[in-house]
N, C-alpha and C. Protein backbone atom coordinates (compact mmCIF):
# COMPACT_ATOMS: atom_id res chain seq x y z
N MET A 1 80.34 132.33 140.91
CA MET A 1 81.70 131.99 140.52
C MET A 1 81.78 130.50 140.16
N GLY A 2 81.04 129.69 140.89
CA GLY A 2 81.01 128.26 140.62
C GLY A 2 80.43 127.95 139.26
N GLN A 3 79.38 128.67 138.88
CA GLN A 3 78.76 128.47 137.57
C GLN A 3 79.72 128.85 136.45
N LEU A 4 80.44 129.95 136.66
CA LEU A 4 81.40 130.38 135.66
C LEU A 4 82.50 129.33 135.48
N GLU A 5 82.95 128.77 136.58
CA GLU A 5 83.98 127.73 136.52
C GLU A 5 83.46 126.49 135.81
N THR A 6 82.24 126.09 136.09
CA THR A 6 81.63 124.94 135.44
C THR A 6 81.46 125.19 133.94
N HIS A 7 80.98 126.37 133.61
CA HIS A 7 80.79 126.73 132.20
C HIS A 7 82.13 126.75 131.46
N THR A 8 83.17 127.27 132.10
CA THR A 8 84.51 127.28 131.48
C THR A 8 85.01 125.87 131.25
N GLY A 9 84.79 124.98 132.21
CA GLY A 9 85.18 123.58 132.06
C GLY A 9 84.47 122.91 130.90
N GLU A 10 83.17 123.20 130.76
CA GLU A 10 82.39 122.63 129.67
C GLU A 10 82.89 123.15 128.32
N LEU A 11 83.20 124.44 128.26
CA LEU A 11 83.73 125.02 127.03
C LEU A 11 85.07 124.41 126.66
N HIS A 12 85.89 124.18 127.67
CA HIS A 12 87.20 123.57 127.44
C HIS A 12 87.05 122.16 126.87
N ALA A 13 86.14 121.39 127.45
CA ALA A 13 85.89 120.03 126.95
C ALA A 13 85.35 120.06 125.53
N GLU A 14 84.44 120.98 125.26
CA GLU A 14 83.87 121.10 123.92
C GLU A 14 84.93 121.52 122.90
N LEU A 15 85.81 122.43 123.30
CA LEU A 15 86.90 122.86 122.42
C LEU A 15 87.84 121.69 122.11
N GLY A 16 88.12 120.86 123.10
CA GLY A 16 88.96 119.68 122.88
C GLY A 16 88.33 118.71 121.89
N ALA A 17 87.02 118.51 122.02
CA ALA A 17 86.31 117.62 121.09
C ALA A 17 86.32 118.20 119.67
N ILE A 18 86.16 119.50 119.55
CA ILE A 18 86.18 120.15 118.24
C ILE A 18 87.56 120.01 117.61
N LYS A 19 88.63 120.17 118.40
CA LYS A 19 89.99 120.03 117.88
C LYS A 19 90.24 118.62 117.37
N LEU A 20 89.76 117.61 118.10
CA LEU A 20 89.91 116.22 117.65
C LEU A 20 89.15 115.98 116.34
N LYS A 21 87.96 116.53 116.24
CA LYS A 21 87.16 116.35 115.03
C LYS A 21 87.85 117.03 113.84
N ILE A 22 88.41 118.22 114.06
CA ILE A 22 89.12 118.92 112.98
C ILE A 22 90.32 118.11 112.53
N LYS A 23 91.05 117.52 113.49
CA LYS A 23 92.21 116.70 113.14
C LYS A 23 91.78 115.49 112.31
N GLU A 24 90.70 114.84 112.71
CA GLU A 24 90.20 113.69 111.96
C GLU A 24 89.80 114.10 110.55
N LEU A 25 89.13 115.25 110.43
CA LEU A 25 88.69 115.73 109.12
C LEU A 25 89.88 116.08 108.22
N LEU A 26 90.92 116.68 108.80
CA LEU A 26 92.11 117.01 108.02
C LEU A 26 92.80 115.74 107.53
N GLU A 27 92.90 114.73 108.38
CA GLU A 27 93.53 113.47 107.98
C GLU A 27 92.72 112.79 106.88
N GLU A 28 91.40 112.79 107.03
CA GLU A 28 90.55 112.19 106.01
C GLU A 28 90.66 112.95 104.69
N ASN A 29 90.70 114.28 104.77
CA ASN A 29 90.84 115.10 103.57
C ASN A 29 92.14 114.78 102.85
N LYS A 30 93.24 114.68 103.59
CA LYS A 30 94.53 114.37 102.99
C LYS A 30 94.52 112.98 102.35
N ARG A 31 93.93 112.02 103.06
CA ARG A 31 93.86 110.65 102.55
C ARG A 31 93.03 110.61 101.26
N LEU A 32 91.91 111.30 101.26
CA LEU A 32 91.06 111.31 100.07
C LEU A 32 91.72 112.04 98.91
N SER A 33 92.46 113.10 99.20
CA SER A 33 93.18 113.82 98.15
C SER A 33 94.23 112.92 97.51
N MET A 34 94.96 112.16 98.35
CA MET A 34 95.97 111.25 97.82
C MET A 34 95.32 110.15 96.98
N GLU A 35 94.21 109.61 97.46
CA GLU A 35 93.51 108.57 96.70
C GLU A 35 92.98 109.14 95.39
N ASN A 36 92.49 110.37 95.42
CA ASN A 36 92.02 111.02 94.21
C ASN A 36 93.14 111.17 93.19
N GLN A 37 94.32 111.60 93.65
CA GLN A 37 95.47 111.72 92.76
C GLN A 37 95.86 110.37 92.17
N ARG A 38 95.85 109.34 93.00
CA ARG A 38 96.20 108.00 92.53
C ARG A 38 95.21 107.53 91.47
N LEU A 39 93.93 107.76 91.72
CA LEU A 39 92.92 107.34 90.76
C LEU A 39 93.01 108.14 89.45
N ARG A 40 93.36 109.43 89.55
CA ARG A 40 93.55 110.22 88.34
C ARG A 40 94.71 109.68 87.51
N LYS A 41 95.79 109.26 88.19
CA LYS A 41 96.93 108.68 87.47
C LYS A 41 96.52 107.40 86.77
N ILE A 42 95.75 106.57 87.47
CA ILE A 42 95.31 105.31 86.87
C ILE A 42 94.42 105.59 85.68
N LEU A 43 93.52 106.55 85.82
CA LEU A 43 92.63 106.90 84.71
C LEU A 43 93.42 107.44 83.52
N LYS A 44 94.42 108.26 83.82
CA LYS A 44 95.24 108.82 82.75
C LYS A 44 96.02 107.71 82.03
N ARG A 45 96.57 106.77 82.80
CA ARG A 45 97.29 105.65 82.19
C ARG A 45 96.36 104.78 81.37
N GLU A 46 95.13 104.61 81.85
CA GLU A 46 94.16 103.78 81.14
C GLU A 46 93.79 104.43 79.81
N THR A 47 93.63 105.74 79.80
CA THR A 47 93.27 106.41 78.56
C THR A 47 94.43 106.44 77.57
N VAL A 48 95.67 106.38 78.09
CA VAL A 48 96.84 106.36 77.22
C VAL A 48 96.98 105.00 76.56
N GLY A 49 96.48 103.96 77.20
CA GLY A 49 96.56 102.64 76.59
C GLY A 49 97.02 101.56 77.54
N GLU A 50 97.53 101.94 78.70
CA GLU A 50 97.99 100.95 79.66
C GLU A 50 96.79 100.50 80.47
N SER A 51 96.62 99.21 80.64
CA SER A 51 95.45 98.69 81.33
C SER A 51 95.58 98.87 82.84
N VAL A 52 94.43 98.86 83.52
CA VAL A 52 94.40 99.03 84.96
C VAL A 52 95.10 97.87 85.66
N GLU A 53 95.01 96.67 85.09
CA GLU A 53 95.67 95.53 85.72
C GLU A 53 97.18 95.72 85.79
N GLN A 54 97.76 96.31 84.78
CA GLN A 54 99.21 96.53 84.78
C GLN A 54 99.61 97.54 85.84
N VAL A 55 98.73 98.47 86.17
CA VAL A 55 99.05 99.48 87.17
C VAL A 55 98.90 98.91 88.58
N LEU A 56 97.84 98.11 88.79
CA LEU A 56 97.54 97.64 90.13
C LEU A 56 98.22 96.34 90.50
N VAL A 57 98.50 95.46 89.55
CA VAL A 57 99.12 94.17 89.83
C VAL A 57 100.62 94.35 89.87
N PRO A 58 101.28 93.95 90.98
CA PRO A 58 102.74 94.10 91.03
C PRO A 58 103.42 93.16 90.05
N THR A 59 104.58 93.58 89.59
CA THR A 59 105.35 92.76 88.67
C THR A 59 106.03 91.64 89.42
N VAL A 60 106.60 90.73 88.70
CA VAL A 60 107.28 89.59 89.31
C VAL A 60 108.45 90.07 90.16
N ASN A 61 109.17 91.10 89.74
CA ASN A 61 110.32 91.60 90.48
C ASN A 61 109.92 92.24 91.80
N GLU A 62 108.67 92.75 91.91
CA GLU A 62 108.24 93.41 93.13
C GLU A 62 107.72 92.42 94.17
N GLN A 63 107.39 91.19 93.75
CA GLN A 63 106.86 90.20 94.67
C GLN A 63 108.00 89.43 95.30
N HIS A 64 107.65 88.72 96.39
CA HIS A 64 108.63 87.84 97.02
C HIS A 64 108.87 86.66 96.09
N GLN A 65 110.12 86.32 95.89
CA GLN A 65 110.44 85.19 95.04
C GLN A 65 111.13 84.12 95.88
N PRO A 66 110.71 82.86 95.74
CA PRO A 66 111.34 81.80 96.53
C PRO A 66 112.76 81.56 96.05
N SER A 67 113.65 81.32 97.01
CA SER A 67 115.03 81.01 96.66
C SER A 67 115.20 79.50 96.54
N LYS A 68 116.42 79.06 96.23
CA LYS A 68 116.68 77.63 96.06
C LYS A 68 116.47 76.86 97.35
N SER A 69 116.68 77.51 98.50
CA SER A 69 116.52 76.82 99.78
C SER A 69 115.07 76.75 100.22
N GLY A 70 114.15 77.31 99.43
CA GLY A 70 112.74 77.25 99.77
C GLY A 70 112.26 78.47 100.55
N GLN A 71 113.17 79.31 100.98
CA GLN A 71 112.78 80.51 101.72
C GLN A 71 112.43 81.60 100.73
N ARG A 72 111.72 82.63 101.21
CA ARG A 72 111.36 83.75 100.36
C ARG A 72 112.31 84.89 100.63
N ASP A 73 112.87 85.46 99.57
CA ASP A 73 113.75 86.61 99.67
C ASP A 73 113.03 87.83 99.12
N ILE A 74 113.33 88.97 99.69
CA ILE A 74 112.78 90.22 99.18
C ILE A 74 113.80 90.79 98.22
N SER A 75 113.36 91.12 97.03
CA SER A 75 114.30 91.66 96.05
C SER A 75 114.74 93.05 96.49
N VAL A 76 115.90 93.46 96.02
CA VAL A 76 116.46 94.76 96.37
C VAL A 76 115.53 95.87 95.91
N ALA A 77 114.90 95.71 94.76
CA ALA A 77 114.00 96.74 94.24
C ALA A 77 112.81 96.93 95.17
N ALA A 78 112.27 95.84 95.73
CA ALA A 78 111.12 95.95 96.62
C ALA A 78 111.48 96.66 97.91
N VAL A 79 112.68 96.39 98.43
CA VAL A 79 113.12 97.06 99.66
C VAL A 79 113.28 98.55 99.41
N GLY A 80 113.92 98.91 98.32
CA GLY A 80 114.09 100.32 97.99
C GLY A 80 112.76 101.01 97.75
N GLU A 81 111.82 100.28 97.15
CA GLU A 81 110.51 100.83 96.88
C GLU A 81 109.75 101.10 98.19
N GLY A 82 109.89 100.19 99.16
CA GLY A 82 109.25 100.39 100.45
C GLY A 82 109.77 101.62 101.16
N TYR A 83 111.09 101.79 101.13
CA TYR A 83 111.69 102.98 101.74
C TYR A 83 111.21 104.24 101.03
N ASP A 84 111.16 104.19 99.70
CA ASP A 84 110.70 105.34 98.93
C ASP A 84 109.25 105.68 99.26
N ASN A 85 108.41 104.66 99.44
CA ASN A 85 107.02 104.90 99.80
C ASN A 85 106.91 105.57 101.17
N LEU A 86 107.70 105.11 102.14
CA LEU A 86 107.68 105.73 103.47
C LEU A 86 108.17 107.16 103.41
N ALA A 87 109.24 107.40 102.65
CA ALA A 87 109.76 108.76 102.52
C ALA A 87 108.73 109.66 101.85
N ARG A 88 108.03 109.14 100.86
CA ARG A 88 106.99 109.92 100.17
C ARG A 88 105.86 110.26 101.14
N LEU A 89 105.42 109.27 101.93
CA LEU A 89 104.37 109.51 102.91
C LEU A 89 104.78 110.59 103.91
N TYR A 90 106.04 110.52 104.36
CA TYR A 90 106.51 111.51 105.32
C TYR A 90 106.51 112.90 104.70
N HIS A 91 106.97 113.01 103.47
CA HIS A 91 107.03 114.31 102.81
C HIS A 91 105.65 114.84 102.44
N GLU A 92 104.66 113.94 102.37
CA GLU A 92 103.29 114.38 102.12
C GLU A 92 102.59 114.82 103.40
N GLY A 93 103.29 114.67 104.54
CA GLY A 93 102.74 115.20 105.79
C GLY A 93 102.22 114.17 106.76
N PHE A 94 102.57 112.91 106.59
CA PHE A 94 102.10 111.87 107.50
C PHE A 94 103.24 111.32 108.34
N HIS A 95 102.90 110.84 109.53
CA HIS A 95 103.88 110.18 110.39
C HIS A 95 104.16 108.78 109.85
N ILE A 96 105.42 108.36 109.91
CA ILE A 96 105.80 106.99 109.54
C ILE A 96 106.42 106.26 110.73
N CYS A 97 106.50 106.93 111.86
CA CYS A 97 107.07 106.31 113.06
C CYS A 97 106.02 105.41 113.71
N ASN A 98 106.50 104.50 114.58
CA ASN A 98 105.58 103.58 115.24
C ASN A 98 104.71 104.26 116.29
N VAL A 99 105.04 105.47 116.69
CA VAL A 99 104.28 106.17 117.71
C VAL A 99 102.98 106.76 117.14
N TYR A 100 103.07 107.43 115.99
CA TYR A 100 101.91 108.11 115.41
C TYR A 100 101.65 107.69 113.96
N TYR A 101 102.01 106.48 113.58
CA TYR A 101 101.96 106.05 112.18
C TYR A 101 100.60 106.37 111.54
N GLY A 102 100.67 107.02 110.38
CA GLY A 102 99.48 107.32 109.62
C GLY A 102 98.76 108.60 109.99
N HIS A 103 99.13 109.20 111.11
CA HIS A 103 98.49 110.45 111.51
C HIS A 103 99.13 111.62 110.77
N LEU A 104 98.36 112.64 110.57
CA LEU A 104 98.82 113.84 109.89
C LEU A 104 99.80 114.59 110.79
N ARG A 105 100.96 114.99 110.23
CA ARG A 105 101.92 115.79 110.98
C ARG A 105 101.45 117.24 110.95
N THR A 106 101.12 117.79 112.11
CA THR A 106 100.60 119.15 112.16
C THR A 106 101.60 120.13 112.73
N GLU A 107 102.64 119.65 113.37
CA GLU A 107 103.57 120.54 114.06
C GLU A 107 104.99 120.42 113.53
N GLY A 108 105.16 120.32 112.24
CA GLY A 108 106.52 120.26 111.68
C GLY A 108 107.08 118.86 111.67
N ASP A 109 108.42 118.78 111.72
CA ASP A 109 109.11 117.50 111.64
C ASP A 109 108.96 116.70 112.93
N CYS A 110 108.97 115.37 112.78
CA CYS A 110 108.89 114.45 113.90
C CYS A 110 110.25 113.76 114.05
N LEU A 111 110.82 113.86 115.22
CA LEU A 111 112.14 113.26 115.44
C LEU A 111 112.12 111.74 115.31
N PHE A 112 111.01 111.11 115.71
CA PHE A 112 110.90 109.66 115.58
C PHE A 112 110.91 109.26 114.10
N CYS A 113 110.14 109.98 113.30
CA CYS A 113 110.09 109.69 111.86
C CYS A 113 111.45 109.92 111.20
N LEU A 114 112.09 111.03 111.55
CA LEU A 114 113.38 111.34 110.95
C LEU A 114 114.44 110.30 111.31
N SER A 115 114.42 109.84 112.57
CA SER A 115 115.40 108.83 112.96
C SER A 115 115.10 107.51 112.23
N PHE A 116 113.83 107.22 111.99
CA PHE A 116 113.46 106.01 111.24
C PHE A 116 113.96 106.12 109.80
N LEU A 117 113.82 107.27 109.19
CA LEU A 117 114.26 107.46 107.79
C LEU A 117 115.78 107.38 107.67
N ASN A 118 116.49 107.81 108.71
CA ASN A 118 117.94 107.84 108.65
C ASN A 118 118.59 106.49 108.93
N LYS A 119 117.81 105.48 109.30
CA LYS A 119 118.37 104.15 109.58
C LYS A 119 118.85 103.50 108.31
């Protein structure tokens, strides 16, 4: 009976390790798929005639611009773009909350992420 209990414990530990590895592989797969899509868009834009520098280099409106007082202000477009990026990440299946940021959402909606989006 002791051997059976030990063997069951070992199987449980091994199953936990396999689940973690599967989660890591799923997250990596999703990340690589997103990067692949991004690179395809860049390649498509490049073949149409738009250069890669124009796609990757932010415009002047997207960067921080110094104000008259010497401080840097974030333009309204950049703030809206940041929110849009977070919303897009969430809808693609990733956490955007500070608890699990960047991890793949495997169990439906996350209340932390949703409350962050609703702010």
